[in-house]
């Protein structure tokens, strides 16, 4: 478990990227905050082309890639909109006392 951000660092409907040197993962991790305030973690690089999902649009349980509008489910990383055809990796994240903790490589419950 790694503390990766303060909840206030992530605006609703947006995301931030956490460098892989901090997370120990193969890819940077996108921390994404949905409109309901929930926080999710996905591998940051879109599976279609090299674009940061943290720079995408977050709404209704999905993140939309800023490059070609592929959509991914925040809960499990499943692709839910072309042109991407491969899902991305979801990681477990918890918010405690306004701090965001990442469990790299552990699937969300």
PDB file of N, CA and C in Angstrom:
ATOM      1  N   UNK A   1       0.851  -1.180   0.000  1.00  0.00           N
ATOM      2  CA  UNK A   1       0.000   0.000   0.000  1.00  0.00           C
ATOM      3  C   UNK A   1       0.897   1.244   0.000  1.00  0.00           C
ATOM      4  N   UNK A   2       0.566   2.191  -0.877  1.00  0.00           N
ATOM      5  CA  UNK A   2       1.354   3.406  -1.020  1.00  0.00           C
ATOM      6  C   UNK A   2       0.424   4.618  -0.995  1.00  0.00           C
ATOM      7  N   UNK A   3       0.762   5.636  -0.191  1.00  0.00           N
ATOM      8  CA  UNK A   3       0.010   6.887  -0.247  1.00  0.00           C
ATOM      9  C   UNK A   3       0.459   7.602  -1.516  1.00  0.00           C
ATOM     10  N   UNK A   4      -0.501   7.921  -2.399  1.00  0.00           N
ATOM     11  CA  UNK A   4      -0.138   8.481  -3.698  1.00  0.00           C
ATOM     12  C   UNK A   4      -0.658   9.897  -3.933  1.00  0.00           C
ATOM     13  N   UNK A   5      -1.610  10.363  -3.128  1.00  0.00           N
ATOM     14  CA  UNK A   5      -2.152  11.706  -3.342  1.00  0.00           C
ATOM     15  C   UNK A   5      -3.072  12.077  -2.188  1.00  0.00           C
ATOM     16  N   UNK A   6      -3.363  13.352  -2.105  1.00  0.00           N
ATOM     17  CA  UNK A   6      -4.455  13.818  -1.259  1.00  0.00           C
ATOM     18  C   UNK A   6      -5.701  13.842  -2.132  1.00  0.00           C
ATOM     19  N   UNK A   7      -6.834  13.539  -1.557  1.00  0.00           N
ATOM     20  CA  UNK A   7      -8.075  13.523  -2.331  1.00  0.00           C
ATOM     21  C   UNK A   7      -8.290  14.856  -3.046  1.00  0.00           C
ATOM     22  N   UNK A   8      -7.956  15.955  -2.387  1.00  0.00           N
ATOM     23  CA  UNK A   8      -8.139  17.286  -2.984  1.00  0.00           C
ATOM     24  C   UNK A   8      -7.234  17.545  -4.183  1.00  0.00           C
ATOM     25  N   UNK A   9      -6.217  16.688  -4.386  1.00  0.00           N
ATOM     26  CA  UNK A   9      -5.331  16.831  -5.549  1.00  0.00           C
ATOM     27  C   UNK A   9      -6.013  16.406  -6.845  1.00  0.00           C
ATOM     28  N   UNK A  10      -7.130  15.686  -6.728  1.00  0.00           N
ATOM     29  CA  UNK A  10      -7.796  15.119  -7.910  1.00  0.00           C
ATOM     30  C   UNK A  10      -9.171  15.767  -8.065  1.00  0.00           C
ATOM     31  N   UNK A  11      -9.338  16.709  -8.996  1.00  0.00           N
ATOM     32  CA  UNK A  11     -10.649  17.334  -9.189  1.00  0.00           C
ATOM     33  C   UNK A  11     -11.678  16.317  -9.696  1.00  0.00           C
ATOM     34  N   UNK A  12     -12.932  16.467  -9.296  1.00  0.00           N
ATOM     35  CA  UNK A  12     -13.989  15.583  -9.805  1.00  0.00           C
ATOM     36  C   UNK A  12     -14.064  15.724 -11.318  1.00  0.00           C
ATOM     37  N   UNK A  13     -14.219  14.570 -11.996  1.00  0.00           N
ATOM     38  CA  UNK A  13     -14.304  14.552 -13.452  1.00  0.00           C
ATOM     39  C   UNK A  13     -12.956  14.590 -14.137  1.00  0.00           C
ATOM     40  N   UNK A  14     -11.875  14.485 -13.354  1.00  0.00           N
ATOM     41  CA  UNK A  14     -10.532  14.543 -13.922  1.00  0.00           C
ATOM     42  C   UNK A  14      -9.644  13.473 -13.310  1.00  0.00           C
ATOM     43  N   UNK A  15      -8.365  13.496 -13.693  1.00  0.00           N
ATOM     44  CA  UNK A  15      -7.414  12.538 -13.163  1.00  0.00           C
ATOM     45  C   UNK A  15      -6.034  13.131 -13.037  1.00  0.00           C
ATOM     46  N   UNK A  16      -5.181  12.422 -12.323  1.00  0.00           N
ATOM     47  CA  UNK A  16      -3.762  12.777 -12.239  1.00  0.00           C
ATOM     48  C   UNK A  16      -2.963  11.500 -12.443  1.00  0.00           C
ATOM     49  N   UNK A  17      -1.752  11.643 -12.947  1.00  0.00           N
ATOM     50  CA  UNK A  17      -0.879  10.487 -13.161  1.00  0.00           C
ATOM     51  C   UNK A  17       0.139  10.406 -12.035  1.00  0.00           C
ATOM     52  N   UNK A  18       0.387   9.181 -11.584  1.00  0.00           N
ATOM     53  CA  UNK A  18       1.413   8.917 -10.578  1.00  0.00           C
ATOM     54  C   UNK A  18       2.504   8.116 -11.278  1.00  0.00           C
ATOM     55  N   UNK A  19       3.731   8.607 -11.190  1.00  0.00           N
ATOM     56  CA  UNK A  19       4.841   7.996 -11.910  1.00  0.00           C
ATOM     57  C   UNK A  19       5.121   6.568 -11.439  1.00  0.00           C
ATOM     58  N   UNK A  20       5.471   5.721 -12.402  1.00  0.00           N
ATOM     59  CA  UNK A  20       5.754   4.313 -12.107  1.00  0.00           C
ATOM     60  C   UNK A  20       6.944   4.146 -11.172  1.00  0.00           C
ATOM     61  N   UNK A  21       7.826   5.151 -11.067  1.00  0.00           N
ATOM     62  CA  UNK A  21       8.947   5.062 -10.117  1.00  0.00           C
ATOM     63  C   UNK A  21       8.441   5.096  -8.678  1.00  0.00           C
ATOM     64  N   UNK A  22       7.258   5.660  -8.464  1.00  0.00           N
ATOM     65  CA  UNK A  22       6.639   5.697  -7.136  1.00  0.00           C
ATOM     66  C   UNK A  22       5.816   4.436  -6.886  1.00  0.00           C
ATOM     67  N   UNK A  23       5.101   3.966  -7.931  1.00  0.00           N
ATOM     68  CA  UNK A  23       4.175   2.846  -7.753  1.00  0.00           C
ATOM     69  C   UNK A  23       4.829   1.478  -7.912  1.00  0.00           C
ATOM     70  N   UNK A  24       5.975   1.420  -8.593  1.00  0.00           N
ATOM     71  CA  UNK A  24       6.632   0.144  -8.840  1.00  0.00           C
ATOM     72  C   UNK A  24       5.935  -0.690  -9.894  1.00  0.00           C
ATOM     73  N   UNK A  25       5.061  -0.085 -10.680  1.00  0.00           N
ATOM     74  CA  UNK A  25       4.321  -0.793 -11.731  1.00  0.00           C
ATOM     75  C   UNK A  25       5.005  -0.577 -13.083  1.00  0.00           C
ATOM     76  N   UNK A  26       4.586  -1.356 -14.081  1.00  0.00           N
ATOM     77  CA  UNK A  26       5.169  -1.240 -15.421  1.00  0.00           C
ATOM     78  C   UNK A  26       4.771   0.055 -16.105  1.00  0.00           C
ATOM     79  N   UNK A  27       3.609   0.583 -15.764  1.00  0.00           N
ATOM     80  CA  UNK A  27       3.092   1.810 -16.374  1.00  0.00           C
ATOM     81  C   UNK A  27       2.816   2.813 -15.259  1.00  0.00           C
ATOM     82  N   UNK A  28       2.773   4.088 -15.612  1.00  0.00           N
ATOM     83  CA  UNK A  28       2.282   5.083 -14.666  1.00  0.00           C
ATOM     84  C   UNK A  28       0.845   4.725 -14.312  1.00  0.00           C
ATOM     85  N   UNK A  29       0.354   5.222 -13.184  1.00  0.00           N
ATOM     86  CA  UNK A  29      -1.014   4.934 -12.758  1.00  0.00           C
ATOM     87  C   UNK A  29      -1.846   6.215 -12.824  1.00  0.00           C
ATOM     88  N   UNK A  30      -3.000   6.125 -13.461  1.00  0.00           N
ATOM     89  CA  UNK A  30      -3.946   7.242 -13.505  1.00  0.00           C
ATOM     90  C   UNK A  30      -4.900   7.111 -12.327  1.00  0.00           C
ATOM     91  N   UNK A  31      -4.923   8.134 -11.476  1.00  0.00           N
ATOM     92  CA  UNK A  31      -5.922   8.213 -10.407  1.00  0.00           C
ATOM     93  C   UNK A  31      -7.050   9.061 -10.956  1.00  0.00           C
ATOM     94  N   UNK A  32      -8.239   8.496 -11.020  1.00  0.00           N
ATOM     95  CA  UNK A  32      -9.370   9.131 -11.697  1.00  0.00           C
ATOM     96  C   UNK A  32     -10.516   9.313 -10.720  1.00  0.00           C
ATOM     97  N   UNK A  33     -11.073  10.531 -10.695  1.00  0.00           N
ATOM     98  CA  UNK A  33     -12.145  10.834  -9.741  1.00  0.00           C
ATOM     99  C   UNK A  33     -13.443  11.078 -10.502  1.00  0.00           C
ATOM    100  N   UNK A  34     -14.393  10.205 -10.271  1.00  0.00           N
ATOM    101  CA  UNK A  34     -15.692  10.302 -10.943  1.00  0.00           C
ATOM    102  C   UNK A  34     -16.507  11.450 -10.337  1.00  0.00           C
ATOM    103  N   UNK A  35     -17.593  11.787 -11.013  1.00  0.00           N
ATOM    104  CA  UNK A  35     -18.439  12.908 -10.578  1.00  0.00           C
ATOM    105  C   UNK A  35     -19.056  12.689  -9.203  1.00  0.00           C
ATOM    106  N   UNK A  36     -19.183  11.424  -8.783  1.00  0.00           N
ATOM    107  CA  UNK A  36     -19.744  11.138  -7.456  1.00  0.00           C
ATOM    108  C   UNK A  36     -18.687  11.227  -6.361  1.00  0.00           C
ATOM    109  N   UNK A  37     -17.450  11.572  -6.739  1.00  0.00           N
ATOM    110  CA  UNK A  37     -16.373  11.718  -5.773  1.00  0.00           C
ATOM    111  C   UNK A  37     -15.534  10.473  -5.576  1.00  0.00           C
ATOM    112  N   UNK A  38     -15.966   9.332  -6.140  1.00  0.00           N
ATOM    113  CA  UNK A  38     -15.203   8.094  -5.981  1.00  0.00           C
ATOM    114  C   UNK A  38     -13.888   8.178  -6.759  1.00  0.00           C
ATOM    115  N   UNK A  39     -12.872   7.469  -6.266  1.00  0.00           N
ATOM    116  CA  UNK A  39     -11.550   7.478  -6.895  1.00  0.00           C
ATOM    117  C   UNK A  39     -11.222   6.078  -7.379  1.00  0.00           C
ATOM    118  N   UNK A  40     -10.654   6.011  -8.581  1.00  0.00           N
ATOM    119  CA  UNK A  40     -10.304   4.743  -9.220  1.00  0.00           C
ATOM    120  C   UNK A  40      -8.888   4.828  -9.742  1.00  0.00           C
ATOM    121  N   UNK A  41      -8.256   3.691  -9.965  1.00  0.00           N
ATOM    122  CA  UNK A  41      -6.887   3.660 -10.471  1.00  0.00           C
ATOM    123  C   UNK A  41      -6.787   2.691 -11.640  1.00  0.00           C
ATOM    124  N   UNK A  42      -6.270   3.196 -12.757  1.00  0.00           N
ATOM    125  CA  UNK A  42      -6.048   2.391 -13.956  1.00  0.00           C
ATOM    126  C   UNK A  42      -4.627   2.639 -14.445  1.00  0.00           C
ATOM    127  N   UNK A  43      -4.080   1.672 -15.207  1.00  0.00           N
ATOM    128  CA  UNK A  43      -2.829   1.963 -15.900  1.00  0.00           C
ATOM    129  C   UNK A  43      -3.065   3.214 -16.733  1.00  0.00           C
ATOM    130  N   UNK A  44      -2.078   4.100 -16.779  1.00  0.00           N
ATOM    131  CA  UNK A  44      -2.277   5.417 -17.380  1.00  0.00           C
ATOM    132  C   UNK A  44      -2.288   5.420 -18.905  1.00  0.00           C
ATOM    133  N   UNK A  45      -1.565   4.508 -19.533  1.00  0.00           N
ATOM    134  CA  UNK A  45      -1.437   4.546 -20.990  1.00  0.00           C
ATOM    135  C   UNK A  45      -2.602   3.834 -21.672  1.00  0.00           C
ATOM    136  N   UNK A  46      -3.267   4.538 -22.573  1.00  0.00           N
ATOM    137  CA  UNK A  46      -4.369   3.944 -23.344  1.00  0.00           C
ATOM    138  C   UNK A  46      -3.855   2.729 -24.104  1.00  0.00           C
ATOM    139  N   UNK A  47      -4.672   1.694 -24.213  1.00  0.00           N
ATOM    140  CA  UNK A  47      -4.253   0.466 -24.908  1.00  0.00           C
ATOM    141  C   UNK A  47      -4.324   0.607 -26.432  1.00  0.00           C
ATOM    142  N   UNK A  48      -4.879   1.702 -26.928  1.00  0.00           N
ATOM    143  CA  UNK A  48      -4.973   1.910 -28.370  1.00  0.00           C
ATOM    144  C   UNK A  48      -3.737   2.612 -28.908  1.00  0.00           C
ATOM    145  N   UNK A  49      -3.407   3.766 -28.354  1.00  0.00           N
ATOM    146  CA  UNK A  49      -2.196   4.487 -28.718  1.00  0.00           C
ATOM    147  C   UNK A  49      -1.654   5.156 -27.475  1.00  0.00           C
ATOM    148  N   UNK A  50      -0.458   5.657 -27.547  1.00  0.00           N
ATOM    149  CA  UNK A  50       0.193   6.236 -26.371  1.00  0.00           C
ATOM    150  C   UNK A  50      -0.427   7.577 -26.012  1.00  0.00           C
ATOM    151  N   UNK A  51      -1.366   7.531 -25.098  1.00  0.00           N
ATOM    152  CA  UNK A  51      -2.004   8.736 -24.567  1.00  0.00           C
ATOM    153  C   UNK A  51      -2.267   8.495 -23.095  1.00  0.00           C
ATOM    154  N   UNK A  52      -2.260   9.564 -22.308  1.00  0.00           N
ATOM    155  CA  UNK A  52      -2.460   9.462 -20.865  1.00  0.00           C
ATOM    156  C   UNK A  52      -3.945   9.504 -20.519  1.00  0.00           C
ATOM    157  N   UNK A  53      -4.440   8.436 -19.888  1.00  0.00           N
ATOM    158  CA  UNK A  53      -5.838   8.429 -19.462  1.00  0.00           C
ATOM    159  C   UNK A  53      -6.095   9.461 -18.368  1.00  0.00           C
ATOM    160  N   UNK A  54      -5.046   9.826 -17.609  1.00  0.00           N
ATOM    161  CA  UNK A  54      -5.201  10.849 -16.579  1.00  0.00           C
ATOM    162  C   UNK A  54      -5.587  12.198 -17.186  1.00  0.00           C
ATOM    163  N   UNK A  55      -5.300  12.384 -18.477  1.00  0.00           N
ATOM    164  CA  UNK A  55      -5.656  13.619 -19.171  1.00  0.00           C
ATOM    165  C   UNK A  55      -7.026  13.522 -19.844  1.00  0.00           C
ATOM    166  N   UNK A  56      -7.718  12.401 -19.635  1.00  0.00           N
ATOM    167  CA  UNK A  56      -9.020  12.181 -20.261  1.00  0.00           C
ATOM    168  C   UNK A  56     -10.162  12.782 -19.462  1.00  0.00           C
ATOM    169  N   UNK A  57     -11.379  12.461 -19.876  1.00  0.00           N
ATOM    170  CA  UNK A  57     -12.597  12.955 -19.245  1.00  0.00           C
ATOM    171  C   UNK A  57     -13.227  11.825 -18.446  1.00  0.00           C
ATOM    172  N   UNK A  58     -13.571  12.110 -17.212  1.00  0.00           N
ATOM    173  CA  UNK A  58     -14.112  11.097 -16.310  1.00  0.00           C
ATOM    174  C   UNK A  58     -15.572  11.421 -16.025  1.00  0.00           C
ATOM    175  N   UNK A  59     -16.462  10.475 -16.377  1.00  0.00           N
ATOM    176  CA  UNK A  59     -17.882  10.654 -16.066  1.00  0.00           C
ATOM    177  C   UNK A  59     -18.610   9.327 -16.200  1.00  0.00           C
ATOM    178  N   UNK A  60     -19.655   9.193 -15.413  1.00  0.00           N
ATOM    179  CA  UNK A  60     -20.532   8.015 -15.467  1.00  0.00           C
ATOM    180  C   UNK A  60     -19.785   6.691 -15.397  1.00  0.00           C
ATOM    181  N   UNK A  61     -18.766   6.613 -14.520  1.00  0.00           N
ATOM    182  CA  UNK A  61     -18.069   5.348 -14.331  1.00  0.00           C
ATOM    183  C   UNK A  61     -17.073   4.986 -15.407  1.00  0.00           C
ATOM    184  N   UNK A  62     -16.723   5.944 -16.275  1.00  0.00           N
ATOM    185  CA  UNK A  62     -15.792   5.686 -17.374  1.00  0.00           C
ATOM    186  C   UNK A  62     -14.781   6.819 -17.504  1.00  0.00           C
ATOM    187  N   UNK A  63     -13.659   6.508 -18.116  1.00  0.00           N
ATOM    188  CA  UNK A  63     -12.713   7.538 -18.537  1.00  0.00           C
ATOM    189  C   UNK A  63     -12.625   7.463 -20.059  1.00  0.00           C
ATOM    190  N   UNK A  64     -12.625   8.634 -20.682  1.00  0.00           N
ATOM    191  CA  UNK A  64     -12.529   8.720 -22.140  1.00  0.00           C
ATOM    192  C   UNK A  64     -11.146   9.233 -22.493  1.00  0.00           C
ATOM    193  N   UNK A  65     -10.436   8.487 -23.321  1.00  0.00           N
ATOM    194  CA  UNK A  65      -9.081   8.859 -23.729  1.00  0.00           C
ATOM    195  C   UNK A  65      -9.111  10.194 -24.482  1.00  0.00           C
ATOM    196  N   UNK A  66      -8.160  11.089 -24.186  1.00  0.00           N
ATOM    197  CA  UNK A  66      -8.159  12.397 -24.838  1.00  0.00           C
ATOM    198  C   UNK A  66      -7.733  12.351 -26.307  1.00  0.00           C
ATOM    199  N   UNK A  67      -7.137  11.242 -26.751  1.00  0.00           N
ATOM    200  CA  UNK A  67      -6.619  11.187 -28.118  1.00  0.00           C
ATOM    201  C   UNK A  67      -7.672  10.747 -29.142  1.00  0.00           C
ATOM    202  N   UNK A  68      -8.277   9.588 -28.933  1.00  0.00           N
ATOM    203  CA  UNK A  68      -9.245   9.067 -29.912  1.00  0.00           C
ATOM    204  C   UNK A  68     -10.568   8.660 -29.282  1.00  0.00           C
ATOM    205  N   UNK A  69     -10.811   9.068 -28.037  1.00  0.00           N
ATOM    206  CA  UNK A  69     -12.098   8.871 -27.362  1.00  0.00           C
ATOM    207  C   UNK A  69     -12.437   7.425 -27.007  1.00  0.00           C
ATOM    208  N   UNK A  70     -11.433   6.553 -26.918  1.00  0.00           N
ATOM    209  CA  UNK A  70     -11.713   5.210 -26.393  1.00  0.00           C
ATOM    210  C   UNK A  70     -12.213   5.367 -24.966  1.00  0.00           C
ATOM    211  N   UNK A  71     -13.092   4.454 -24.525  1.00  0.00           N
ATOM    212  CA  UNK A  71     -13.627   4.527 -23.165  1.00  0.00           C
ATOM    213  C   UNK A  71     -13.272   3.268 -22.397  1.00  0.00           C
ATOM    214  N   UNK A  72     -12.973   3.473 -21.090  1.00  0.00           N
ATOM    215  CA  UNK A  72     -12.628   2.372 -20.205  1.00  0.00           C
ATOM    216  C   UNK A  72     -13.443   2.478 -18.934  1.00  0.00           C
ATOM    217  N   UNK A  73     -13.893   1.318 -18.431  1.00  0.00           N
ATOM    218  CA  UNK A  73     -14.641   1.248 -17.183  1.00  0.00           C
ATOM    219  C   UNK A  73     -13.693   1.522 -16.015  1.00  0.00           C
ATOM    220  N   UNK A  74     -14.082   2.436 -15.122  1.00  0.00           N
ATOM    221  CA  UNK A  74     -13.246   2.765 -13.972  1.00  0.00           C
ATOM    222  C   UNK A  74     -13.128   1.600 -12.996  1.00  0.00           C
ATOM    223  N   UNK A  75     -14.177   0.772 -12.894  1.00  0.00           N
ATOM    224  CA  UNK A  75     -14.196  -0.318 -11.911  1.00  0.00           C
ATOM    225  C   UNK A  75     -13.240  -1.449 -12.245  1.00  0.00           C
ATOM    226  N   UNK A  76     -13.157  -1.803 -13.523  1.00  0.00           N
ATOM    227  CA  UNK A  76     -12.364  -2.990 -13.876  1.00  0.00           C
ATOM    228  C   UNK A  76     -11.436  -2.807 -15.075  1.00  0.00           C
ATOM    229  N   UNK A  77     -11.402  -1.621 -15.669  1.00  0.00           N
ATOM    230  CA  UNK A  77     -10.516  -1.370 -16.797  1.00  0.00           C
ATOM    231  C   UNK A  77     -11.013  -1.888 -18.128  1.00  0.00           C
ATOM    232  N   UNK A  78     -12.219  -2.466 -18.161  1.00  0.00           N
ATOM    233  CA  UNK A  78     -12.755  -3.035 -19.409  1.00  0.00           C
ATOM    234  C   UNK A  78     -12.947  -1.943 -20.457  1.00  0.00           C
ATOM    235  N   UNK A  79     -12.552  -2.270 -21.685  1.00  0.00           N
ATOM    236  CA  UNK A  79     -12.756  -1.322 -22.783  1.00  0.00           C
ATOM    237  C   UNK A  79     -14.247  -1.255 -23.082  1.00  0.00           C
ATOM    238  N   UNK A  80     -14.744  -0.047 -23.259  1.00  0.00           N
ATOM    239  CA  UNK A  80     -16.176   0.146 -23.464  1.00  0.00           C
ATOM    240  C   UNK A  80     -16.432   1.187 -24.548  1.00  0.00           C
ATOM    241  N   UNK A  81     -15.493   1.293 -25.473  1.00  0.00           N
ATOM    242  CA  UNK A  81     -15.665   2.230 -26.576  1.00  0.00           C
ATOM    243  C   UNK A  81     -14.454   2.205 -27.482  1.00  0.00           C
ATOM    244  N   UNK A  82     -14.681   2.001 -28.758  1.00  0.00           N
ATOM    245  CA  UNK A  82     -13.613   1.939 -29.758  1.00  0.00           C
ATOM    246  C   UNK A  82     -12.963   3.309 -29.904  1.00  0.00           C
ATOM    247  N   UNK A  83     -11.749   3.378 -30.458  1.00  0.00           N
ATOM    248  CA  UNK A  83     -11.047   2.354 -31.218  1.00  0.00           C
ATOM    249  C   UNK A  83     -10.250   1.342 -30.392  1.00  0.00           C
ATOM    250  N   UNK A  84     -10.066   1.545 -29.087  1.00  0.00           N
ATOM    251  CA  UNK A  84      -9.341   0.549 -28.287  1.00  0.00           C
ATOM    252  C   UNK A  84     -10.114  -0.769 -28.289  1.00  0.00           C
ATOM    253  N   UNK A  85      -9.372  -1.869 -28.309  1.00  0.00           N
ATOM    254  CA  UNK A  85     -10.007  -3.191 -28.271  1.00  0.00           C
ATOM    255  C   UNK A  85      -9.498  -4.021 -27.092  1.00  0.00           C
ATOM    256  N   UNK A  86      -8.444  -3.542 -26.396  1.00  0.00           N
ATOM    257  CA  UNK A  86      -7.897  -4.260 -25.238  1.00  0.00           C
ATOM    258  C   UNK A  86      -8.207  -3.478 -23.971  1.00  0.00           C
ATOM    259  N   UNK A  87      -8.609  -4.201 -22.954  1.00  0.00           N
ATOM    260  CA  UNK A  87      -8.865  -3.577 -21.657  1.00  0.00           C
ATOM    261  C   UNK A  87      -7.546  -3.131 -21.039  1.00  0.00           C
ATOM    262  N   UNK A  88      -7.632  -2.279 -20.041  1.00  0.00           N
ATOM    263  CA  UNK A  88      -6.453  -1.852 -19.295  1.00  0.00           C
ATOM    264  C   UNK A  88      -6.511  -2.474 -17.902  1.00  0.00           C
ATOM    265  N   UNK A  89      -5.498  -2.252 -17.102  1.00  0.00           N
ATOM    266  CA  UNK A  89      -5.405  -2.865 -15.779  1.00  0.00           C
ATOM    267  C   UNK A  89      -5.959  -1.906 -14.721  1.00  0.00           C
ATOM    268  N   UNK A  90      -6.853  -2.415 -13.890  1.00  0.00           N
ATOM    269  CA  UNK A  90      -7.396  -1.648 -12.769  1.00  0.00           C
ATOM    270  C   UNK A  90      -6.646  -2.054 -11.501  1.00  0.00           C
ATOM    271  N   UNK A  91      -6.438  -1.094 -10.616  1.00  0.00           N
ATOM    272  CA  UNK A  91      -5.744  -1.332  -9.352  1.00  0.00           C
ATOM    273  C   UNK A  91      -6.638  -0.903  -8.199  1.00  0.00           C
ATOM    274  N   UNK A  92      -6.511  -1.594  -7.085  1.00  0.00           N
ATOM    275  CA  UNK A  92      -7.282  -1.247  -5.893  1.00  0.00           C
ATOM    276  C   UNK A  92      -6.784   0.081  -5.323  1.00  0.00           C
ATOM    277  N   UNK A  93      -7.726   0.909  -4.912  1.00  0.00           N
ATOM    278  CA  UNK A  93      -7.400   2.195  -4.312  1.00  0.00           C
ATOM    279  C   UNK A  93      -8.357   2.419  -3.147  1.00  0.00           C
ATOM    280  N   UNK A  94      -7.867   3.066  -2.099  1.00  0.00           N
ATOM    281  CA  UNK A  94      -8.723   3.390  -0.956  1.00  0.00           C
ATOM    282  C   UNK A  94      -8.493   4.840  -0.570  1.00  0.00           C
ATOM    283  N   UNK A  95      -9.562   5.487  -0.118  1.00  0.00           N
ATOM    284  CA  UNK A  95      -9.461   6.848   0.398  1.00  0.00           C
ATOM    285  C   UNK A  95      -9.704   6.777   1.900  1.00  0.00           C
ATOM    286  N   UNK A  96      -8.730   7.270   2.666  1.00  0.00           N
ATOM    287  CA  UNK A  96      -8.833   7.288   4.136  1.00  0.00           C
ATOM    288  C   UNK A  96      -8.429   8.671   4.627  1.00  0.00           C
ATOM    289  N   UNK A  97      -9.305   9.307   5.373  1.00  0.00           N
ATOM    290  CA  UNK A  97      -9.009  10.620   5.969  1.00  0.00           C
ATOM    291  C   UNK A  97      -8.468  11.608   4.944  1.00  0.00           C
ATOM    292  N   UNK A  98      -9.071  11.613   3.755  1.00  0.00           N
ATOM    293  CA  UNK A  98      -8.680  12.572   2.726  1.00  0.00           C
ATOM    294  C   UNK A  98      -7.393  12.242   1.993  1.00  0.00           C
ATOM    295  N   UNK A  99      -6.845  11.044   2.237  1.00  0.00           N
ATOM    296  CA  UNK A  99      -5.626  10.601   1.559  1.00  0.00           C
ATOM    297  C   UNK A  99      -5.951   9.415   0.665  1.00  0.00           C
ATOM    298  N   UNK A 100      -5.280   9.332  -0.487  1.00  0.00           N
ATOM    299  CA  UNK A 100      -5.526   8.259  -1.455  1.00  0.00           C
ATOM    300  C   UNK A 100      -4.381   7.257  -1.379  1.00  0.00           C
ATOM    301  N   UNK A 101      -4.742   5.992  -1.173  1.00  0.00           N
ATOM    302  CA  UNK A 101      -3.764   4.902  -1.074  1.00  0.00           C
ATOM    303  C   UNK A 101      -3.974   3.924  -2.224  1.00  0.00           C
ATOM    304  N   UNK A 102      -2.858   3.529  -2.839  1.00  0.00           N
ATOM    305  CA  UNK A 102      -2.873   2.607  -3.967  1.00  0.00           C
ATOM    306  C   UNK A 102      -2.310   1.259  -3.529  1.00  0.00           C
ATOM    307  N   UNK A 103      -2.944   0.198  -4.018  1.00  0.00           N
ATOM    308  CA  UNK A 103      -2.467  -1.172  -3.814  1.00  0.00           C
ATOM    309  C   UNK A 103      -2.053  -1.678  -5.192  1.00  0.00           C
ATOM    310  N   UNK A 104      -0.821  -1.383  -5.633  1.00  0.00           N
ATOM    311  CA  UNK A 104      -0.393  -1.715  -7.004  1.00  0.00           C
ATOM    312  C   UNK A 104      -0.516  -3.206  -7.295  1.00  0.00           C
ATOM    313  N   UNK A 105      -1.105  -3.506  -8.460  1.00  0.00           N
ATOM    314  CA  UNK A 105      -1.240  -4.893  -8.896  1.00  0.00           C
ATOM    315  C   UNK A 105      -2.358  -5.665  -8.258  1.00  0.00           C
ATOM    316  N   UNK A 106      -3.036  -5.053  -7.291  1.00  0.00           N
ATOM    317  CA  UNK A 106      -4.163  -5.722  -6.626  1.00  0.00           C
ATOM    318  C   UNK A 106      -5.459  -5.237  -7.276  1.00  0.00           C
ATOM    319  N   UNK A 107      -6.275  -6.178  -7.723  1.00  0.00           N
ATOM    320  CA  UNK A 107      -7.528  -5.822  -8.409  1.00  0.00           C
ATOM    321  C   UNK A 107      -8.500  -5.188  -7.415  1.00  0.00           C
ATOM    322  N   UNK A 108      -9.321  -4.255  -7.891  1.00  0.00           N
ATOM    323  CA  UNK A 108     -10.340  -3.660  -7.019  1.00  0.00           C
ATOM    324  C   UNK A 108     -11.312  -4.721  -6.522  1.00  0.00           C
ATOM    325  N   UNK A 109     -11.844  -4.522  -5.336  1.00  0.00           N
ATOM    326  CA  UNK A 109     -12.797  -5.483  -4.749  1.00  0.00           C
ATOM    327  C   UNK A 109     -14.114  -5.476  -5.494  1.00  0.00           C
TER     328      UNK A 109
END
